[in-house]
Protein backbone atom coordinates (compact mmCIF):
# COMPACT_ATOMS: atom_id res chain seq x y z
CA MET A 1 -31.85 14.07 -1.27
CA ILE A 2 -31.07 10.48 -1.54
CA ASP A 3 -33.84 8.35 -2.79
CA PHE A 4 -33.44 4.92 -1.33
CA ASP A 5 -35.45 2.75 -3.78
CA PHE A 6 -34.06 -1.09 -4.06
CA GLN A 7 -31.30 -1.11 -5.75
CA THR A 8 -29.97 1.99 -3.12
CA THR A 9 -31.12 0.39 0.17
CA THR A 10 -30.07 -3.62 -1.08
CA THR A 11 -26.69 -1.77 -1.91
CA LEU A 12 -26.35 0.18 2.01
CA VAL A 13 -26.79 -2.59 3.51
CA VAL A 14 -24.55 -4.96 1.63
CA PHE A 15 -21.73 -2.60 2.64
CA ALA A 16 -22.35 -2.27 5.81
CA SER A 17 -22.76 -6.24 6.11
CA VAL A 18 -19.97 -6.63 4.45
CA ILE A 19 -17.48 -4.25 6.39
CA LEU A 20 -19.02 -5.69 9.73
CA LEU A 21 -17.43 -8.77 8.82
CA ILE A 22 -14.47 -8.44 8.53
CA ALA A 23 -14.30 -5.69 11.09
CA PHE A 24 -15.06 -8.35 13.99
CA ASP A 25 -13.51 -11.48 10.96
CA VAL A 26 -16.31 -13.29 11.78
CA MET A 27 -15.21 -15.20 7.88
CA ASP A 28 -12.78 -14.71 5.18
CA MET A 29 -12.07 -11.55 4.30
CA MET A 30 -12.24 -13.24 0.43
CA LEU A 31 -15.30 -15.23 1.03
CA VAL A 32 -17.01 -12.06 2.58
CA GLY A 33 -16.23 -9.43 -0.81
CA LEU A 34 -17.20 -12.98 -2.77
CA LEU A 35 -20.89 -12.94 -0.99
CA GLY A 36 -21.29 -9.51 -0.72
CA VAL A 37 -21.00 -9.02 -4.89
CA SER A 38 -23.03 -12.74 -5.67
CA ALA A 39 -26.03 -10.69 -3.42
CA LEU A 40 -26.54 -7.69 -5.76
CA THR A 41 -25.10 -9.74 -8.92
CA VAL A 42 -28.59 -11.75 -8.34
CA THR A 43 -30.56 -9.24 -6.91
CA GLY A 44 -29.69 -7.33 -10.41
CA VAL A 45 -27.72 -4.10 -9.34
CA ILE A 46 -24.52 -4.67 -10.93
CA THR A 47 -24.61 -3.74 -14.50
CA ALA A 48 -22.46 -4.28 -17.34
CA GLU A 49 -21.95 -0.76 -17.37
CA ASP A 50 -20.31 -1.14 -14.08
CA VAL A 51 -18.57 -4.41 -14.42
CA SER A 52 -16.76 -1.87 -17.15
CA ALA A 53 -16.09 1.09 -14.61
CA VAL A 54 -14.61 -0.91 -11.98
CA ASN A 55 -11.81 -2.53 -14.91
CA ARG A 56 -11.15 1.17 -15.31
CA THR A 57 -10.81 2.14 -11.85
CA ALA A 58 -9.45 -1.78 -10.84
CA GLY A 59 -6.97 -2.68 -13.03
CA GLY A 60 -4.55 -0.50 -13.14
CA PRO A 61 -3.11 -1.51 -8.84
CA ILE A 62 -4.49 -5.12 -9.68
CA THR A 63 -1.94 -5.30 -12.03
CA LEU A 64 0.74 -3.66 -10.15
CA LEU A 65 -0.04 -6.19 -7.18
CA PHE A 66 -0.09 -8.67 -9.35
CA GLY A 67 3.71 -7.95 -10.88
CA GLY A 68 5.13 -6.72 -8.20
CA MET A 69 3.67 -10.34 -6.49
CA VAL A 70 5.29 -12.50 -9.04
CA VAL A 71 8.73 -10.69 -9.67
CA ALA A 72 8.93 -11.21 -5.73
CA ARG A 73 8.39 -14.41 -5.25
CA VAL A 74 10.84 -15.01 -8.22
CA LEU A 75 13.32 -13.58 -6.00
CA ALA A 76 12.64 -16.09 -3.39
CA PRO A 77 14.63 -18.82 -4.18
CA THR A 78 17.96 -16.98 -5.13
CA GLY A 79 19.29 -17.66 -1.85
CA ILE A 80 19.71 -13.67 -2.03
CA PHE A 81 17.45 -12.91 0.94
CA GLU A 82 19.66 -15.76 3.06
CA ARG A 83 23.19 -13.80 1.93
CA VAL A 84 20.95 -10.34 2.77
CA GLY A 85 20.80 -12.38 5.98
CA THR A 86 23.88 -12.65 7.24
CA LEU A 87 25.03 -9.33 6.31
CA TYR A 88 22.87 -7.84 8.92
CA LEU A 89 23.73 -9.34 10.57
CA LEU A 90 27.50 -8.37 10.37
CA ALA A 91 26.39 -5.23 10.93
CA THR A 92 24.72 -5.46 13.57
CA LYS A 93 28.01 -6.03 15.69
CA GLY A 94 25.06 -7.07 18.39
CA SER A 95 23.67 -4.32 18.58
CA GLY A 96 20.19 -4.09 19.23
CA ARG A 97 19.71 0.06 17.71
CA ARG A 98 22.07 -0.72 14.77
CA PHE A 99 19.32 -3.69 14.58
CA LEU A 100 15.98 -1.20 14.81
CA LEU A 101 17.70 1.61 11.79
CA GLY A 102 18.52 -1.73 9.79
CA LEU A 103 15.44 -2.61 9.63
CA VAL A 104 14.16 0.92 7.78
CA ILE A 105 17.83 -0.16 5.05
CA LEU A 106 16.82 -3.03 4.51
CA VAL A 107 13.13 -3.07 4.36
CA ALA A 108 11.94 0.89 2.19
CA PRO A 109 13.72 0.39 -0.56
CA LEU A 110 11.85 -3.09 -1.99
CA CYS A 111 8.76 -1.70 -0.72
CA ALA A 112 9.48 1.26 -2.74
CA VAL A 113 8.65 -0.93 -5.48
CA LEU A 114 7.35 -4.46 -4.64
CA PRO A 115 4.22 -5.43 -2.45
CA ASN A 116 4.42 -4.31 1.35
CA ALA A 117 3.11 -7.26 2.44
CA THR A 118 4.89 -10.43 0.42
CA THR A 119 7.99 -8.54 0.22
CA VAL A 120 7.11 -8.42 4.37
CA ILE A 121 7.12 -12.62 3.95
CA LEU A 122 10.60 -12.45 2.19
CA LEU A 123 12.32 -10.88 4.76
CA ALA A 124 11.17 -12.25 7.91
CA PRO A 125 12.93 -14.81 8.37
CA ILE A 126 15.95 -12.90 8.05
CA ILE A 127 14.52 -10.21 10.87
CA ILE A 128 13.80 -13.23 12.92
CA ARG A 129 16.93 -14.71 12.53
CA VAL A 130 18.55 -10.87 13.42
CA ALA A 131 15.78 -11.05 16.78
CA THR A 132 16.64 -14.62 18.02
CA THR A 133 20.73 -14.11 17.40
CA LEU A 134 20.81 -10.39 19.69
CA GLU A 135 17.82 -12.21 22.20
CA VAL A 136 14.90 -9.83 21.34
CA ASP A 137 11.49 -10.41 21.53
CA ILE A 138 9.92 -10.42 17.32
CA VAL A 139 7.17 -8.38 17.54
CA GLY A 140 8.85 -5.30 18.02
CA PRO A 141 10.79 -5.35 15.22
CA MET A 142 7.79 -7.28 13.10
CA VAL A 143 5.71 -5.06 13.73
CA LEU A 144 8.08 -2.33 12.72
CA THR A 145 8.60 -4.18 9.53
CA ALA A 146 5.23 -3.52 8.84
CA ILE A 147 5.40 -0.41 9.31
CA ILE A 148 8.25 0.70 7.26
CA SER A 149 6.70 -1.28 5.03
CA ASN A 150 3.30 0.87 4.08
CA SER A 151 5.66 3.50 4.72
CA ALA A 152 8.06 2.92 1.99
CA GLY A 153 4.78 3.24 -0.02
CA MET A 154 4.93 6.93 -0.20
CA LEU A 155 8.04 6.93 -1.73
CA THR A 156 6.87 6.01 -5.93
CA LEU A 157 3.88 6.45 -7.74
CA VAL A 158 4.15 2.50 -7.72
CA GLY A 159 5.10 1.70 -3.80
CA ASP A 160 1.67 1.81 -2.60
CA PRO A 161 -2.02 0.98 -4.54
CA ALA A 162 -3.40 3.80 -3.46
CA THR A 163 -0.56 6.22 -4.56
CA PHE A 164 -0.98 4.78 -8.22
CA LEU A 165 -4.87 4.84 -7.90
CA VAL A 166 -4.64 8.33 -6.80
CA GLY A 167 -1.65 9.83 -9.10
CA SER A 168 -2.97 7.75 -12.55
CA THR A 169 -6.98 9.49 -11.82
CA ILE A 170 -5.17 12.69 -12.23
CA GLY A 171 -2.79 11.63 -14.74
CA MET A 172 0.42 11.94 -12.84
CA THR A 173 4.19 10.06 -13.73
CA PHE A 174 6.36 8.19 -12.30
CA ASN A 175 8.68 11.19 -12.29
CA GLN A 176 6.18 14.01 -11.48
CA TYR A 177 5.17 11.83 -8.66
CA LEU A 178 9.09 11.75 -7.35
CA GLN A 179 9.46 15.73 -7.78
CA LYS A 180 6.51 16.47 -5.86
CA VAL A 181 5.30 13.52 -3.18
CA SER A 182 8.65 11.06 -2.47
CA LEU A 183 10.30 14.18 -0.20
CA GLY A 184 7.48 14.00 1.75
CA GLY A 185 7.25 10.47 1.76
CA LEU A 186 10.69 10.46 2.71
CA LEU A 187 10.12 12.68 5.44
CA ALA A 188 7.34 10.54 7.23
CA LEU A 189 9.34 7.22 6.95
CA MET A 190 12.54 9.67 8.73
CA VAL A 191 9.68 10.46 11.56
CA VAL A 192 9.94 6.40 12.45
CA ILE A 193 13.42 6.56 13.42
CA PRO A 194 13.46 8.83 16.32
CA LEU A 195 10.43 7.25 17.77
CA MET A 196 12.79 4.06 18.15
CA PRO A 197 14.19 4.46 21.09
CA LEU A 198 11.16 5.50 22.41
CA LEU A 199 8.68 2.49 21.27
CA MET A 200 11.07 0.02 21.31
CA LYS A 201 13.34 0.94 24.45
CA ASP A 202 13.64 -3.40 24.93
CA VAL A 203 15.64 -3.57 21.70
CA TRP A 204 17.00 -0.28 21.17
CA GLY A 205 19.53 -0.66 24.23
CA VAL A 206 20.23 -4.49 23.48
CA GLN A 207 23.65 -5.30 22.94
CA ARG A 208 24.72 -8.97 22.74
CA ALA A 209 28.22 -10.94 21.65
CA LEU A 210 27.31 -12.68 18.04
CA PRO A 211 28.29 -15.73 17.43
CA GLU A 212 31.32 -16.93 16.30
CA ASN A 213 31.40 -19.39 13.41
CA LEU A 214 29.50 -16.51 10.94
CA MET A 215 29.55 -16.69 7.15
CA ILE A 216 28.48 -15.31 4.61
CA LYS A 217 27.45 -18.73 2.18
CA PRO A 218 27.59 -18.26 -1.79
CA LEU A 219 24.79 -18.41 -3.89
CA GLU A 220 23.89 -22.03 -4.70
CA ARG A 221 22.56 -20.77 -8.55
CA PRO A 222 24.31 -17.07 -9.12
CA GLY A 223 23.22 -16.96 -12.56
CA TYR A 224 19.79 -17.14 -11.88
CA ALA A 225 20.31 -14.79 -8.97
CA VAL A 226 22.06 -12.39 -11.58
CA PHE A 227 18.92 -12.37 -13.78
CA SER A 228 15.92 -12.02 -11.35
CA LEU A 229 17.60 -9.18 -10.08
CA MET A 230 18.36 -8.01 -13.69
CA VAL A 231 14.46 -8.23 -14.37
CA LEU A 232 13.96 -6.23 -10.67
CA ALA A 233 16.38 -3.33 -11.59
CA LEU A 234 14.68 -3.51 -15.48
CA MET A 235 11.43 -3.06 -13.38
CA VAL A 236 12.17 0.40 -11.37
CA LEU A 237 13.53 1.82 -14.78
CA LEU A 238 10.72 1.05 -17.18
CA PHE A 239 9.04 2.71 -14.04
CA ILE A 240 10.92 6.03 -14.15
CA PHE A 241 11.46 6.43 -17.69
CA GLY A 242 8.20 3.79 -19.81
CA GLU A 243 6.22 7.28 -20.08
CA GLN A 244 9.08 8.38 -22.21
CA THR A 245 9.87 5.67 -24.53
CA PRO A 246 9.16 5.64 -28.23
CA VAL A 247 5.99 3.75 -27.15
CA LYS A 248 4.86 4.29 -23.96
CA ILE A 249 4.47 1.84 -21.40
CA VAL A 250 2.33 2.61 -18.28
CA PRO A 251 3.12 1.04 -14.87
CA PRO A 252 0.38 -1.55 -14.53
CA GLY A 253 2.39 -2.53 -17.96
CA VAL A 254 6.08 -2.54 -16.46
CA ALA A 255 4.13 -4.70 -14.04
CA ILE A 256 3.25 -7.22 -16.85
CA ILE A 257 6.59 -7.43 -18.75
CA ALA A 258 8.99 -7.69 -15.18
CA ALA A 259 6.29 -10.14 -14.44
CA THR A 260 6.54 -12.43 -17.91
CA LEU A 261 10.31 -11.78 -17.89
CA ALA A 262 10.56 -12.71 -14.47
CA LEU A 263 8.58 -16.98 -14.75
CA LEU A 264 10.65 -16.41 -18.74
CA VAL A 265 13.54 -16.93 -15.95
CA VAL A 266 12.12 -19.23 -13.97
CA HIS A 267 12.19 -22.09 -17.17
CA THR A 268 14.88 -21.29 -18.26
CA ALA A 269 16.83 -21.53 -15.16
CA ASN A 270 14.95 -24.94 -14.23
CA VAL A 271 14.69 -23.69 -10.92
CA GLU A 272 11.16 -25.09 -10.53
CA PRO A 273 7.56 -24.88 -12.00
CA ILE A 274 6.23 -21.88 -12.68
CA GLY A 275 3.15 -23.00 -11.67
CA ASN A 276 5.13 -23.35 -8.64
CA VAL A 277 5.29 -19.58 -8.38
CA MET A 278 1.54 -18.80 -9.96
CA LYS A 279 0.37 -21.21 -6.97
CA ASP A 280 1.99 -18.13 -4.22
CA ILE A 281 0.58 -15.68 -5.03
CA ASP A 282 -1.57 -13.59 -3.20
CA TRP A 283 -4.47 -14.50 -4.53
CA ARG A 284 -7.06 -14.05 -1.96
CA THR A 285 -5.25 -10.26 -1.70
CA LEU A 286 -6.39 -9.46 -5.38
CA VAL A 287 -9.89 -11.11 -5.39
CA PHE A 288 -10.98 -9.40 -1.84
CA LEU A 289 -9.94 -6.13 -3.57
CA MET A 290 -11.57 -6.64 -6.87
CA CYS A 291 -14.47 -7.71 -4.96
CA LEU A 292 -13.93 -4.25 -2.63
CA PHE A 293 -13.80 -1.76 -5.83
CA CYS A 294 -16.88 -3.33 -7.22
CA LEU A 295 -19.12 -2.46 -4.42
CA VAL A 296 -17.10 1.07 -3.78
CA GLN A 297 -18.71 1.26 -7.37
CA GLU A 298 -22.11 0.50 -6.67
CA PHE A 299 -21.91 2.29 -3.01
CA SER A 300 -21.04 5.70 -5.41
CA LYS A 301 -24.06 5.18 -6.93
CA THR A 302 -26.84 5.61 -3.88
CA GLY A 303 -25.92 8.97 -3.93
CA ILE A 304 -24.31 9.30 -0.11
CA LEU A 305 -21.13 10.46 -2.58
CA GLN A 306 -22.84 12.77 -4.04
CA SER A 307 -24.47 14.31 -0.81
CA PHE A 308 -21.15 14.00 0.90
CA SER A 309 -19.76 16.15 -1.36
CA HIS A 310 -22.05 18.49 -1.44
CA THR A 311 -21.74 18.94 2.06
CA LEU A 312 -17.53 19.43 1.96
CA HIS A 313 -18.78 22.43 -0.40
CA ALA A 314 -20.94 23.52 2.46
CA TRP A 315 -18.68 23.85 5.38
CA PHE A 316 -15.38 23.86 3.41
CA GLY A 317 -16.55 26.36 0.26
CA THR A 318 -13.92 26.82 -1.89
CA ASN A 319 -10.32 26.74 0.73
CA LEU A 320 -8.98 23.92 -0.67
CA VAL A 321 -6.36 24.47 2.62
CA LEU A 322 -8.81 23.18 4.44
CA VAL A 323 -10.09 20.62 2.47
CA ALA A 324 -7.12 18.94 2.07
CA LEU A 325 -6.67 18.55 6.32
CA ALA A 326 -10.44 17.65 6.26
CA MET A 327 -8.59 14.53 3.86
CA ILE A 328 -5.92 13.89 5.59
CA ALA A 329 -7.79 13.56 9.13
CA GLY A 330 -10.87 11.53 7.78
CA VAL A 331 -9.49 9.10 5.29
CA GLY A 332 -6.63 8.11 7.23
CA LEU A 333 -9.16 6.93 10.15
CA ALA A 334 -11.32 5.12 7.48
CA SER A 335 -7.70 3.41 6.11
CA SER A 336 -7.34 2.59 10.12
CA LEU A 337 -9.78 0.46 9.50
CA LEU A 338 -10.18 -0.98 6.33
CA ALA A 339 -8.50 -1.28 3.46
CA ASN A 340 -7.01 1.67 1.96
CA ILE A 341 -6.90 1.07 -1.74
CA PRO A 342 -11.50 0.84 -2.09
CA VAL A 343 -11.27 3.79 0.85
CA VAL A 344 -9.63 5.66 -1.68
CA ALA A 345 -11.95 4.79 -4.67
CA ALA A 346 -14.38 6.53 -2.74
CA MET A 347 -12.54 9.70 -1.84
CA ILE A 348 -11.58 10.47 -5.44
CA LEU A 349 -15.10 10.54 -6.47
CA MET A 350 -16.27 12.34 -3.98
CA VAL A 351 -13.33 14.63 -4.00
CA LYS A 352 -13.92 14.40 -7.77
CA GLY A 353 -17.76 15.99 -6.79
CA TYR A 354 -16.71 18.50 -4.47
CA LEU A 355 -14.46 20.14 -6.33
CA VAL A 356 -16.90 20.07 -9.41
CA THR A 357 -20.00 21.59 -7.37
CA ALA A 358 -17.26 24.04 -6.29
CA GLU A 359 -17.04 25.35 -10.18
CA LEU A 360 -12.92 24.83 -9.84
CA VAL A 361 -13.45 22.03 -12.64
CA PRO A 362 -15.58 21.26 -15.47
CA ASP A 363 -17.97 18.78 -15.07
CA LEU A 364 -15.96 16.53 -17.66
CA ALA A 365 -13.91 16.25 -14.39
CA LEU A 366 -16.38 13.00 -13.14
CA ASP A 367 -15.04 11.21 -16.19
CA PRO A 368 -12.93 9.03 -15.48
CA THR A 369 -10.29 9.99 -17.80
CA PHE A 370 -10.43 14.24 -17.36
CA ALA A 371 -6.34 14.67 -17.02
CA ASP A 372 -6.37 18.23 -17.05
CA TRP A 373 -6.07 19.27 -13.36
CA PRO A 374 -5.75 22.59 -12.50
CA VAL A 375 -2.54 23.36 -10.37
CA GLN A 376 -3.98 24.09 -6.83
CA VAL A 377 -6.17 21.04 -6.66
CA ILE A 378 -3.19 18.08 -7.20
CA PRO A 379 -1.86 19.00 -3.47
CA VAL A 380 -5.77 17.98 -2.26
CA PHE A 381 -4.89 14.58 -3.60
CA VAL A 382 -1.52 14.21 -2.51
CA ALA A 383 -3.10 14.88 0.71
CA MET A 384 -5.12 12.11 0.34
CA MET A 385 -2.13 9.64 -0.77
CA PHE A 386 -1.07 10.84 2.91
CA SER A 387 -3.99 9.88 4.84
CA ALA A 388 -4.47 6.26 2.25
CA THR A 389 -1.56 5.03 2.72
CA LEU A 390 -0.07 6.05 6.16
CA GLY A 391 -2.73 5.90 7.98
CA GLY A 392 -2.95 2.01 7.90
CA ASN A 393 0.11 2.18 9.94
CA ALA A 394 -2.64 3.01 13.28
CA THR A 395 -3.91 -0.87 14.05
CA LEU A 396 -3.91 -4.70 12.98
CA ILE A 397 -6.07 -4.76 10.18
CA GLY A 398 -5.54 -1.16 8.95
CA ALA A 399 -2.96 -2.93 5.54
CA SER A 400 -2.08 -5.85 4.63
CA ALA A 401 1.36 -5.97 5.48
CA ASN A 402 0.53 -5.54 9.45
CA VAL A 403 -2.14 -8.45 9.35
CA VAL A 404 1.10 -10.49 7.27
CA SER A 405 3.43 -9.76 10.05
CA THR A 406 1.43 -10.16 12.91
CA GLY A 407 0.06 -13.72 11.53
CA ILE A 408 4.33 -14.76 11.47
CA CYS A 409 4.50 -13.48 15.00
CA ALA A 410 1.95 -15.91 15.84
CA SER A 411 3.47 -18.45 14.28
CA HIS A 412 6.57 -18.37 16.48
CA GLY A 413 4.50 -19.06 19.72
CA ARG A 414 4.45 -14.48 19.61
CA PRO A 415 0.17 -13.41 18.69
CA VAL A 416 0.10 -9.63 19.04
CA SER A 417 -3.49 -8.39 20.33
CA PHE A 418 -5.37 -5.62 18.41
CA GLY A 419 -4.52 -3.02 21.52
CA ALA A 420 -0.47 -4.74 21.50
CA PHE A 421 -0.43 -3.14 17.66
CA MET A 422 -1.97 -0.19 18.21
CA ARG A 423 0.68 1.60 21.36
CA TYR A 424 3.07 1.17 18.02
CA GLY A 425 1.27 2.06 15.57
CA VAL A 426 -0.84 5.35 16.77
CA PRO A 427 1.96 7.34 17.69
CA VAL A 428 3.44 6.50 14.52
CA THR A 429 0.75 7.38 12.85
CA LEU A 430 -0.27 10.68 13.90
CA CYS A 431 3.20 11.83 14.47
CA GLN A 432 3.37 10.85 10.03
CA LEU A 433 0.48 12.02 9.14
CA THR A 434 1.57 15.63 11.14
CA VAL A 435 4.43 15.61 8.77
CA GLY A 436 1.78 14.56 5.37
CA SER A 437 -0.19 17.89 6.13
CA ALA A 438 3.05 20.29 6.85
CA TYR A 439 4.27 19.40 3.60
CA ILE A 440 1.33 19.72 1.93
CA LEU A 441 0.40 23.26 3.52
CA CYS A 442 3.80 23.76 1.79
CA LEU A 443 2.79 22.07 -1.49
CA PHE A 444 -0.29 25.39 -1.37
CA TYR A 445 2.08 27.54 -0.32
CA PHE A 446 4.26 26.95 -3.64
CA THR A 447 1.54 26.10 -6.29
CA GLY A 448 -0.12 29.42 -5.47
CA ARG A 449 -3.07 28.45 -4.13
């Protein structure tokens, strides 16, 4: 039973208020998050121990986001994206089909290692330029860009903060993720391709003549571009091999090193003041996510998650296959309407509680430092990765990349409604989660559940 004392009641009221204010877009989401945390602080609900717990949980994902944002922002003035834009336009040969297929090749590799929303901002001018040249509406390609960027988050451990949060919880390394999860992420990404001609008929069948004067401009700062790309390459290499070096470097540490080197390149090349780079970092999103981590931490203390853990055990017993499929459905739905990181943070606690209740892991598993997870429970956590990362494709507010892409459309005179986004997002999400479910079943089969 849940004891609805002052702290529990206050937490539930504040948490529900924050979610509703964000859902109905009453005010800026960062301000809503800060108001929620402030309310819990003033009422004495948040303690020093809670702050320490939030730092342990949120530190890694927030650091990854920050480092990726800095590296992406430093790449912006290199001129590389303008050059890529011309090459991309030439590669389409005026074909709408080539344009849409090329989006997968253009967007997915970057979003596998860089923050999705930031990458969408960097690539938007390229995509809009090609769409305008081909005389097609920008809405479909921009929505598709957001969907591809979110889907590419499943390709690597650091592709999405939610995948890293779950992976770090079970002690999964970058290479282990590549071996156990990346194939499923690639399959989910490939699902988008056969849906393109169905969802974007107006673009798929287009054939236009390209301008004859298309020329690839030389880079204005080739040296700066080379060193910036070297930083990006180093970051990727350290993501892969950093934990095997004599001094073990975990992904958040890699992100900080890459951000530092990227800023050093800016300073040495004297391209612009470092302050300009830091001003362009999406602090609003970072602060908002930190606030949500605080709210989830307090929500976990109410006992509701523990109650859900017992409910899971009552419904499914020790049938991990059904639990994993329930995670895909439940977390997928929640992630389509709420930011996936706090949803995942809450679900991790609930799943841990279930596994302890089912006596599949010891009570020590509730400790954040526990890493001795049995092989047969890993697919449950992988299911959470699929649902949290791909569920956000369904709606306009399901992921930050969605909000960014539709905002860019609106700024170009083509606002996108909630329903219009769902016309693209829901079919893709349902197909992707179906593929994810099949992949999870295969994982259970090969792990001998």
